[in-house]
Protein backbone atom coordinates (compact mmCIF):
# COMPACT_ATOMS: atom_id res chain seq x y z
CA MET A 1 -38.25 -60.23 -57.31
CA LYS A 2 -39.32 -56.80 -56.72
CA ARG A 3 -36.45 -54.30 -55.50
CA ILE A 4 -37.35 -53.16 -51.98
CA ASN A 5 -36.88 -49.13 -51.63
CA LEU A 6 -34.47 -48.91 -48.98
CA VAL A 7 -35.38 -45.48 -47.92
CA ALA A 8 -39.10 -46.00 -47.60
CA PHE A 9 -37.93 -49.53 -45.70
CA ILE A 10 -35.86 -47.64 -43.25
CA GLY A 11 -38.64 -44.84 -42.87
CA TRP A 12 -41.06 -47.87 -42.22
CA VAL A 13 -38.78 -49.41 -39.49
CA GLY A 14 -38.28 -46.01 -37.83
CA ALA A 15 -41.84 -45.46 -37.68
CA VAL A 16 -42.70 -49.08 -36.05
CA MET A 17 -39.67 -48.17 -33.32
CA MET A 18 -41.17 -44.62 -32.51
CA SER A 19 -44.76 -46.32 -31.99
CA LEU A 20 -43.14 -48.48 -29.92
CA THR A 21 -41.30 -46.35 -27.82
CA LEU A 22 -44.43 -44.00 -27.64
CA THR A 23 -46.40 -47.31 -26.30
CA ALA A 24 -43.93 -48.33 -23.88
CA CYS A 25 -43.78 -44.69 -22.20
CA ASN A 26 -47.64 -44.65 -21.96
CA LEU A 27 -47.54 -48.00 -20.28
CA LYS A 28 -44.48 -46.92 -17.81
CA PRO A 29 -46.37 -44.44 -15.39
CA ALA A 30 -49.51 -47.00 -14.82
CA GLU A 31 -46.90 -50.19 -14.07
CA GLY A 32 -43.87 -48.59 -12.86
CA LYS A 33 -45.61 -46.78 -10.11
CA THR A 34 -44.43 -47.48 -6.70
CA HIS A 35 -46.24 -46.85 -4.05
CA MET A 36 -44.83 -46.14 -0.17
CA THR A 37 -44.98 -48.17 2.78
CA LEU A 38 -46.44 -46.31 5.93
CA PHE A 39 -45.59 -47.83 9.12
CA ILE A 40 -47.06 -45.92 12.62
CA GLY A 41 -45.87 -45.71 15.87
CA VAL A 42 -48.46 -45.33 18.58
CA ASP A 43 -46.99 -44.27 22.02
CA THR A 44 -48.76 -46.45 24.28
CA SER A 45 -47.09 -45.18 27.47
CA GLY A 46 -48.78 -43.84 30.92
CA SER A 47 -46.45 -40.36 30.37
CA PHE A 48 -48.28 -39.70 26.72
CA ARG A 49 -51.42 -39.72 28.14
CA THR A 50 -50.95 -37.72 30.96
CA SER A 51 -49.07 -35.48 28.68
CA GLY A 52 -52.90 -34.88 27.67
CA TYR A 53 -52.36 -35.22 23.50
CA TYR A 54 -53.10 -39.03 23.47
CA ASP A 55 -56.70 -39.01 22.97
CA ASP A 56 -56.47 -36.10 20.43
CA ALA A 57 -53.62 -38.49 18.31
CA LEU A 58 -55.94 -41.07 18.11
CA SER A 59 -58.52 -39.60 16.68
CA PHE A 60 -55.87 -37.68 14.14
CA LEU A 61 -54.68 -40.93 13.30
CA ALA A 62 -57.99 -42.56 12.40
CA HIS A 63 -58.43 -39.89 9.82
CA TYR A 64 -54.86 -39.68 8.51
CA ILE A 65 -55.39 -43.24 7.69
CA TYR A 66 -58.62 -43.04 6.06
CA GLY A 67 -57.48 -40.05 4.04
CA HIS A 68 -54.52 -42.08 2.93
CA LEU A 69 -55.94 -45.21 1.87
CA ASN A 70 -58.82 -43.28 0.14
CA GLU A 71 -56.30 -41.08 -1.79
CA LEU A 72 -58.60 -38.16 -0.43
CA ASP A 73 -57.35 -34.78 -1.91
CA GLY A 74 -54.42 -35.83 -3.72
CA LEU A 75 -53.29 -38.22 -0.23
CA GLU A 76 -50.50 -40.80 -1.26
CA LYS A 77 -52.33 -44.51 -1.32
CA PRO A 78 -50.02 -46.66 0.51
CA ARG A 79 -48.93 -49.64 -0.94
CA GLU A 80 -49.02 -51.26 2.67
CA VAL A 81 -49.67 -50.18 5.98
CA PHE A 82 -48.40 -51.40 9.22
CA VAL A 83 -49.20 -50.11 12.58
CA GLY A 84 -47.97 -50.67 15.86
CA SER A 85 -47.20 -49.46 19.72
CA ILE A 86 -44.41 -48.08 21.19
CA GLY A 87 -44.37 -49.07 24.79
CA GLY A 88 -44.09 -52.16 27.05
CA ARG A 89 -43.41 -53.32 30.24
CA GLY A 90 -39.88 -53.68 29.62
CA MET A 91 -37.13 -52.78 27.51
CA ASN A 92 -36.94 -54.18 23.77
CA GLU A 93 -40.41 -55.86 23.98
CA PRO A 94 -41.71 -56.49 20.95
CA LYS A 95 -45.70 -55.98 19.74
CA ALA A 96 -47.95 -56.79 17.00
CA PHE A 97 -48.24 -54.61 14.24
CA HIS A 98 -51.75 -54.28 12.39
CA PRO A 99 -51.54 -54.46 8.69
CA ILE A 100 -53.34 -52.69 6.04
CA HIS A 101 -56.33 -55.17 6.05
CA ASP A 102 -57.22 -54.31 9.55
CA PHE A 103 -58.31 -50.70 8.22
CA GLN A 104 -59.64 -51.31 4.73
CA GLY A 105 -63.41 -50.94 4.08
CA LYS A 106 -63.96 -49.22 7.86
CA ASP A 107 -65.02 -45.28 8.26
CA ILE A 108 -63.47 -43.03 10.40
CA ALA A 109 -65.04 -43.81 13.39
CA GLN A 110 -64.66 -47.68 12.85
CA ILE A 111 -60.90 -47.00 12.64
CA GLU A 112 -60.72 -44.91 15.61
CA ALA A 113 -62.32 -47.61 17.93
CA ASP A 114 -60.21 -50.27 16.62
CA LEU A 115 -57.05 -47.99 17.50
CA ARG A 116 -58.46 -47.45 21.11
CA GLY A 117 -58.94 -50.69 21.45
CA TRP A 118 -55.72 -52.26 20.02
CA PHE A 119 -53.65 -49.16 21.85
CA PRO A 120 -54.62 -48.66 25.43
CA ALA A 121 -52.04 -46.11 26.74
CA THR A 122 -51.05 -48.63 29.78
CA ASP A 123 -47.35 -49.27 29.08
CA THR A 124 -44.80 -48.21 31.65
CA LEU A 125 -42.02 -47.57 28.92
CA THR A 126 -41.58 -45.52 25.81
CA ASP A 127 -38.95 -47.81 23.80
CA PHE A 128 -38.48 -46.42 20.58
CA ASN A 129 -35.64 -48.88 19.42
CA ALA A 130 -37.99 -52.13 19.78
CA PHE A 131 -40.40 -50.31 17.23
CA ILE A 132 -37.54 -49.39 14.97
CA GLN A 133 -36.30 -52.68 14.83
CA GLN A 134 -39.73 -54.24 14.03
CA VAL A 135 -39.88 -51.32 11.24
CA ALA A 136 -36.97 -52.87 9.78
CA ARG A 137 -37.51 -56.71 10.39
CA ILE A 138 -40.84 -56.15 8.48
CA SER A 139 -39.81 -54.19 5.57
CA LYS A 140 -37.13 -56.78 4.93
CA GLU A 141 -39.04 -59.52 5.48
CA ARG A 142 -41.87 -58.56 3.18
CA ASN A 143 -39.35 -57.10 0.61
CA LEU A 144 -40.44 -53.43 0.98
CA ILE A 145 -36.94 -51.89 1.18
CA LEU A 146 -37.22 -50.61 -2.84
CA ALA A 147 -40.56 -48.33 -2.68
CA PRO A 148 -40.19 -45.06 -0.34
CA ILE A 149 -41.05 -45.66 3.24
CA THR A 150 -42.78 -43.39 5.83
CA VAL A 151 -42.68 -43.65 9.32
CA VAL A 152 -45.24 -41.93 11.37
CA ILE A 153 -44.63 -41.81 15.09
CA VAL A 154 -47.00 -39.93 17.47
CA SER A 155 -45.49 -39.13 20.81
CA ASP A 156 -44.30 -36.98 23.33
CA GLY A 157 -41.04 -37.92 22.20
CA ILE A 158 -39.06 -38.41 25.44
CA PRO A 159 -37.41 -41.73 25.55
CA ASP A 160 -38.08 -44.20 29.15
CA ILE A 161 -34.53 -45.72 28.31
CA GLY A 162 -31.59 -43.19 29.08
CA THR A 163 -28.22 -43.31 30.99
CA PRO A 164 -26.89 -41.89 34.51
CA THR A 165 -25.97 -38.41 32.99
CA ALA A 166 -29.33 -38.15 31.08
CA LYS A 167 -30.79 -36.09 33.84
CA THR A 168 -28.22 -33.39 33.14
CA ASP A 169 -27.29 -33.69 29.60
CA PRO A 170 -30.14 -34.27 27.13
CA ARG A 171 -28.04 -35.67 24.59
CA ASP A 172 -27.26 -38.92 26.34
CA LEU A 173 -30.45 -39.39 26.53
CA TYR A 174 -31.43 -39.21 23.13
CA LYS A 175 -28.33 -40.93 21.55
CA THR A 176 -29.80 -43.96 22.94
CA ILE A 177 -32.24 -43.98 20.04
CA ASP A 178 -30.97 -45.58 17.58
CA LEU A 179 -32.06 -45.36 13.77
CA THR A 180 -29.37 -47.73 12.26
CA PRO A 181 -31.38 -50.42 11.71
CA ILE A 182 -33.56 -48.26 9.33
CA GLU A 183 -31.05 -46.18 7.90
CA TYR A 184 -30.34 -47.96 4.52
CA LEU A 185 -33.80 -49.50 4.21
CA SER A 186 -35.05 -47.18 1.21
CA LYS A 187 -33.49 -44.79 -0.88
CA ASN A 188 -36.37 -42.39 0.75
CA LEU A 189 -37.21 -42.84 4.34
CA THR A 190 -38.81 -40.26 6.28
CA LEU A 191 -39.71 -40.38 10.08
CA ARG A 192 -42.37 -38.04 10.94
CA LEU A 193 -42.52 -37.10 14.62
CA ALA A 194 -45.67 -35.99 15.64
CA TYR A 195 -46.78 -34.09 18.88
CA ALA A 196 -43.48 -33.82 20.40
CA SER A 197 -42.94 -30.25 22.05
CA PRO A 198 -40.57 -27.93 20.28
CA LYS A 199 -37.71 -28.59 22.50
CA VAL A 200 -38.04 -32.51 22.28
CA GLY A 201 -37.97 -31.91 18.49
CA ASP A 202 -35.21 -30.04 18.50
CA HIS A 203 -33.40 -32.58 20.72
CA TRP A 204 -34.31 -35.30 17.96
CA ARG A 205 -32.95 -32.92 15.40
CA LYS A 206 -29.97 -32.35 16.99
CA TYR A 207 -28.98 -35.26 18.88
CA ILE A 208 -30.35 -38.56 17.78
CA PRO A 209 -27.28 -40.18 15.03
CA ARG A 210 -28.42 -40.32 11.59
CA GLN A 211 -27.23 -40.33 8.17
CA ARG A 212 -30.10 -40.99 5.40
CA VAL A 213 -32.97 -40.63 7.42
CA ARG A 214 -35.00 -37.86 6.56
CA LEU A 215 -36.68 -36.42 9.93
CA TRP A 216 -39.58 -34.11 10.12
CA THR A 217 -41.20 -33.17 13.40
CA VAL A 218 -44.52 -31.31 14.25
CA GLU A 219 -44.76 -29.55 17.56
CA ALA A 220 -47.92 -30.85 19.91
CA GLU A 221 -49.59 -26.94 19.27
CA VAL A 222 -49.25 -27.58 15.63
CA MET A 223 -51.03 -30.84 15.89
CA LYS A 224 -53.96 -29.77 17.79
CA GLY A 225 -54.63 -27.47 14.79
CA TRP A 226 -56.17 -30.44 12.59
CA SER A 227 -59.57 -30.60 14.21
CA ALA A 228 -60.32 -27.07 13.56
CA GLN A 229 -60.08 -27.68 9.84
CA VAL A 230 -62.90 -30.54 9.90
CA GLN A 231 -66.39 -29.10 8.43
CA ALA A 232 -69.24 -30.34 10.18
CA ASP A 233 -71.29 -30.40 7.42
CA ALA A 234 -69.01 -32.22 4.94
CA ASP A 235 -68.05 -36.15 4.50
CA PRO A 236 -64.52 -37.01 4.35
CA ALA A 237 -64.10 -36.86 0.61
CA GLY A 238 -65.33 -32.80 0.84
CA GLN A 239 -62.96 -32.43 4.19
CA LEU A 240 -60.65 -30.30 1.47
CA ARG A 241 -59.22 -27.91 4.46
CA LEU A 242 -57.92 -31.22 6.63
CA TRP A 243 -56.41 -32.99 3.86
CA GLN A 244 -54.54 -29.66 2.55
CA TRP A 245 -53.72 -29.15 6.30
CA VAL A 246 -52.36 -32.61 6.39
CA LYS A 247 -50.51 -32.20 3.33
CA ASP A 248 -49.03 -28.95 4.75
CA ASN A 249 -47.99 -29.87 8.01
CA VAL A 250 -47.57 -33.84 8.36
CA ASP A 251 -46.93 -34.97 5.05
CA PHE A 252 -44.51 -31.93 4.21
CA ARG A 253 -42.10 -33.56 1.37
CA VAL A 254 -38.56 -33.47 3.72
CA ARG A 255 -35.55 -32.98 1.64
CA ALA A 256 -32.43 -35.53 1.74
CA ARG A 257 -30.07 -34.82 4.19
CA THR A 258 -26.61 -33.43 3.03
CA ILE A 259 -23.94 -35.98 4.35
């Protein structure tokens, strides 16, 4: 029998192991990439319509959803999308959530038309808790809790369910918003509130109890600026100013809160 050169054999094994390691590393990003789940809540209360921002918000959402679904200018493509209303005729009234399939293959105008048909601002109450509870339920039932979760709410941010002292102390009003159901859904859960006034946004940051939920608010006056970024002579893929505006103002990466 021929003697095996031990040094050469060890070198060969090492080369094979290195090759396997490099192959695994090259495959990892493609196979291990986790896409976020995107939940969107539309305030369908009459008070949001009278605020003057309801129509602008639906137009913005049509662009926002389209941009993300098509990964325009680096916007993150979500694994799932669910869009539901925030409002009702009474407290704790559950509403249907439209899934990603209702938006795929549609252009911006078609998405906006659907949003206006599905979410007319005719409800009498703004109930954030019912919406938040449904976000938690869907996330658990569909096993979406391991990936990042983004919750975008377009609303004036004022809850209609208060306490007797809420008129004199805003803390009592905003403390009724319960984020507990989504606190531990994901290691990375960001709640984005758009179209609230600076004062209401400040109340959300100060008075709503939260531990792990990352909160980002974009004031209504800032949100009005999105349409100025739209270039009339460019198709959606060429709206680079708009998508950059979205990344800088709405999709801003929020740091984890220090507990």
